[in-house]
Each structure stands twice: as structure tokens, then as C-alpha cells.
Amino acid sequence: MKQAISGFHTDDEGHWEAQLACGHNQHVRHDPPWMIRE
């Protein structure tokens, strides 16, 4: 199921995770974008 991303943060090992609107976290493969893309 697709969920909206509400933010980004790093885990305890320094890997990037996306914070999802549902409250869960998902590791991302690349560094997150620092600007909103449209």
C-alpha cells in the first residue's frame, strides 16, 4: 500500500528512513531530496 511521506530522519546506524503518514518508517535506498519536487 502506498503511503504519503511526512518526513525523513536517520536510524541508529545513520541510514535514511522515510517517516510515513501512517506512523511507520521505511528505509530509503538513496539520500532523500532536500527540496519538494513537482
PDB file of N, CA and C in Angstrom:
ATOM      1  N   MET A   1       0.840  -1.172   0.000  1.00  0.00           N
ATOM      2  CA  MET A   1       0.000   0.000   0.000  1.00  0.00           C
ATOM      3  C   MET A   1       0.889   1.240   0.000  1.00  0.00           C
ATOM      4  N   LYS A   2       0.578   2.196  -0.845  1.00  0.00           N
ATOM      5  CA  LYS A   2       1.346   3.434  -0.887  1.00  0.00           C
ATOM      6  C   LYS A   2       0.876   4.368   0.221  1.00  0.00           C
ATOM      7  N   GLN A   3       1.845   5.017   0.872  1.00  0.00           N
ATOM      8  CA  GLN A   3       1.565   5.977   1.936  1.00  0.00           C
ATOM      9  C   GLN A   3       2.317   7.262   1.634  1.00  0.00           C
ATOM     10  N   ALA A   4       1.766   8.381   2.042  1.00  0.00           N
ATOM     11  CA  ALA A   4       2.447   9.662   1.872  1.00  0.00           C
ATOM     12  C   ALA A   4       3.629   9.750   2.835  1.00  0.00           C
ATOM     13  N   ILE A   5       4.713  10.380   2.380  1.00  0.00           N
ATOM     14  CA  ILE A   5       5.892  10.596   3.225  1.00  0.00           C
ATOM     15  C   ILE A   5       5.701  11.912   3.970  1.00  0.00           C
ATOM     16  N   SER A   6       5.834  11.865   5.293  1.00  0.00           N
ATOM     17  CA  SER A   6       5.659  13.075   6.093  1.00  0.00           C
ATOM     18  C   SER A   6       6.984  13.658   6.573  1.00  0.00           C
ATOM     19  N   GLY A   7       8.092  12.931   6.390  1.00  0.00           N
ATOM     20  CA  GLY A   7       9.391  13.451   6.789  1.00  0.00           C
ATOM     21  C   GLY A   7      10.487  12.420   6.598  1.00  0.00           C
ATOM     22  N   PHE A   8      11.720  12.824   6.880  1.00  0.00           N
ATOM     23  CA  PHE A   8      12.884  11.950   6.780  1.00  0.00           C
ATOM     24  C   PHE A   8      13.692  12.057   8.055  1.00  0.00           C
ATOM     25  N   HIS A   9      14.367  10.988   8.423  1.00  0.00           N
ATOM     26  CA  HIS A   9      15.295  11.002   9.553  1.00  0.00           C
ATOM     27  C   HIS A   9      16.271   9.838   9.375  1.00  0.00           C
ATOM     28  N   THR A  10      17.291   9.781  10.221  1.00  0.00           N
ATOM     29  CA  THR A  10      18.249   8.680  10.159  1.00  0.00           C
ATOM     30  C   THR A  10      18.004   7.728  11.322  1.00  0.00           C
ATOM     31  N   ASP A  11      18.308   6.453  11.093  1.00  0.00           N
ATOM     32  CA  ASP A  11      18.164   5.463  12.156  1.00  0.00           C
ATOM     33  C   ASP A  11      19.425   5.443  13.013  1.00  0.00           C
ATOM     34  N   ASP A  12      19.520   4.498  13.926  1.00  0.00           N
ATOM     35  CA  ASP A  12      20.665   4.415  14.841  1.00  0.00           C
ATOM     36  C   ASP A  12      21.981   4.151  14.126  1.00  0.00           C
ATOM     37  N   GLU A  13      21.917   3.568  12.926  1.00  0.00           N
ATOM     38  CA  GLU A  13      23.122   3.266  12.152  1.00  0.00           C
ATOM     39  C   GLU A  13      23.439   4.335  11.116  1.00  0.00           C
ATOM     40  N   GLY A  14      22.649   5.412  11.067  1.00  0.00           N
ATOM     41  CA  GLY A  14      22.896   6.501  10.138  1.00  0.00           C
ATOM     42  C   GLY A  14      22.270   6.317   8.765  1.00  0.00           C
ATOM     43  N   HIS A  15      21.421   5.301   8.607  1.00  0.00           N
ATOM     44  CA  HIS A  15      20.736   5.091   7.334  1.00  0.00           C
ATOM     45  C   HIS A  15      19.462   5.927   7.300  1.00  0.00           C
ATOM     46  N   TRP A  16      19.135   6.439   6.109  1.00  0.00           N
ATOM     47  CA  TRP A  16      17.949   7.277   5.969  1.00  0.00           C
ATOM     48  C   TRP A  16      16.674   6.455   6.005  1.00  0.00           C
ATOM     49  N   GLU A  17      15.674   6.983   6.690  1.00  0.00           N
ATOM     50  CA  GLU A  17      14.343   6.388   6.734  1.00  0.00           C
ATOM     51  C   GLU A  17      13.322   7.471   6.404  1.00  0.00           C
ATOM     52  N   ALA A  18      12.291   7.077   5.673  1.00  0.00           N
ATOM     53  CA  ALA A  18      11.166   7.970   5.424  1.00  0.00           C
ATOM     54  C   ALA A  18      10.134   7.726   6.521  1.00  0.00           C
ATOM     55  N   GLN A  19       9.619   8.802   7.070  1.00  0.00           N
ATOM     56  CA  GLN A  19       8.530   8.682   8.042  1.00  0.00           C
ATOM     57  C   GLN A  19       7.230   8.777   7.261  1.00  0.00           C
ATOM     58  N   LEU A  20       6.389   7.756   7.363  1.00  0.00           N
ATOM     59  CA  LEU A  20       5.158   7.688   6.590  1.00  0.00           C
ATOM     60  C   LEU A  20       3.985   8.287   7.360  1.00  0.00           C
ATOM     61  N   ALA A  21       2.976   8.735   6.618  1.00  0.00           N
ATOM     62  CA  ALA A  21       1.804   9.367   7.226  1.00  0.00           C
ATOM     63  C   ALA A  21       1.091   8.432   8.198  1.00  0.00           C
ATOM     64  N   CYS A  22       1.203   7.115   7.989  1.00  0.00           N
ATOM     65  CA  CYS A  22       0.534   6.146   8.859  1.00  0.00           C
ATOM     66  C   CYS A  22       1.272   5.951  10.186  1.00  0.00           C
ATOM     67  N   GLY A  23       2.492   6.539  10.311  1.00  0.00           N
ATOM     68  CA  GLY A  23       3.250   6.417  11.548  1.00  0.00           C
ATOM     69  C   GLY A  23       4.402   5.434  11.472  1.00  0.00           C
ATOM     70  N   HIS A  24       4.472   4.630  10.422  1.00  0.00           N
ATOM     71  CA  HIS A  24       5.568   3.683  10.246  1.00  0.00           C
ATOM     72  C   HIS A  24       6.760   4.361   9.584  1.00  0.00           C
ATOM     73  N   ASN A  25       7.900   3.676   9.593  1.00  0.00           N
ATOM     74  CA  ASN A  25       9.116   4.144   8.937  1.00  0.00           C
ATOM     75  C   ASN A  25       9.502   3.160   7.846  1.00  0.00           C
ATOM     76  N   GLN A  26      10.155   3.663   6.803  1.00  0.00           N
ATOM     77  CA  GLN A  26      10.606   2.818   5.697  1.00  0.00           C
ATOM     78  C   GLN A  26      11.994   3.283   5.280  1.00  0.00           C
ATOM     79  N   HIS A  27      12.972   2.353   5.247  1.00  0.00           N
ATOM     80  CA  HIS A  27      14.298   2.714   4.770  1.00  0.00           C
ATOM     81  C   HIS A  27      14.220   3.142   3.313  1.00  0.00           C
ATOM     82  N   VAL A  28      15.027   4.139   2.949  1.00  0.00           N
ATOM     83  CA  VAL A  28      15.082   4.595   1.563  1.00  0.00           C
ATOM     84  C   VAL A  28      16.423   4.195   0.974  1.00  0.00           C
ATOM     85  N   ARG A  29      16.452   3.966  -0.325  1.00  0.00           N
ATOM     86  CA  ARG A  29      17.673   3.487  -0.976  1.00  0.00           C
ATOM     87  C   ARG A  29      18.692   4.590  -1.198  1.00  0.00           C
ATOM     88  N   HIS A  30      18.234   5.811  -1.373  1.00  0.00           N
ATOM     89  CA  HIS A  30      19.117   6.932  -1.687  1.00  0.00           C
ATOM     90  C   HIS A  30      18.916   8.030  -0.655  1.00  0.00           C
ATOM     91  N   ASP A  31      19.782   9.028  -0.691  1.00  0.00           N
ATOM     92  CA  ASP A  31      19.600  10.178   0.192  1.00  0.00           C
ATOM     93  C   ASP A  31      18.302  10.879  -0.186  1.00  0.00           C
ATOM     94  N   PRO A  32      17.547  11.331   0.791  1.00  0.00           N
ATOM     95  CA  PRO A  32      16.269  11.977   0.483  1.00  0.00           C
ATOM     96  C   PRO A  32      16.479  13.320  -0.213  1.00  0.00           C
ATOM     97  N   PRO A  33      15.497  13.744  -0.993  1.00  0.00           N
ATOM     98  CA  PRO A  33      15.614  15.065  -1.631  1.00  0.00           C
ATOM     99  C   PRO A  33      15.495  16.167  -0.584  1.00  0.00           C
ATOM    100  N   TRP A  34      16.208  17.240  -0.787  1.00  0.00           N
ATOM    101  CA  TRP A  34      16.177  18.347   0.166  1.00  0.00           C
ATOM    102  C   TRP A  34      15.240  19.450  -0.282  1.00  0.00           C
ATOM    103  N   MET A  35      14.531  19.238  -1.394  1.00  0.00           N
ATOM    104  CA  MET A  35      13.551  20.211  -1.842  1.00  0.00           C
ATOM    105  C   MET A  35      12.337  19.457  -2.373  1.00  0.00           C
ATOM    106  N   ILE A  36      11.208  20.114  -2.394  1.00  0.00           N
ATOM    107  CA  ILE A  36       9.990  19.496  -2.908  1.00  0.00           C
ATOM    108  C   ILE A  36      10.043  19.502  -4.427  1.00  0.00           C
ATOM    109  N   ARG A  37       9.844  18.345  -5.024  1.00  0.00           N
ATOM    110  CA  ARG A  37       9.827  18.239  -6.479  1.00  0.00           C
ATOM    111  C   ARG A  37       8.385  18.188  -6.945  1.00  0.00           C
ATOM    112  N   GLU A  38       8.094  18.891  -8.028  1.00  0.00           N
ATOM    113  CA  GLU A  38       6.732  18.874  -8.558  1.00  0.00           C
ATOM    114  C   GLU A  38       6.720  18.446  -9.999  1.00  0.00           C
TER     115      GLU A  38
END
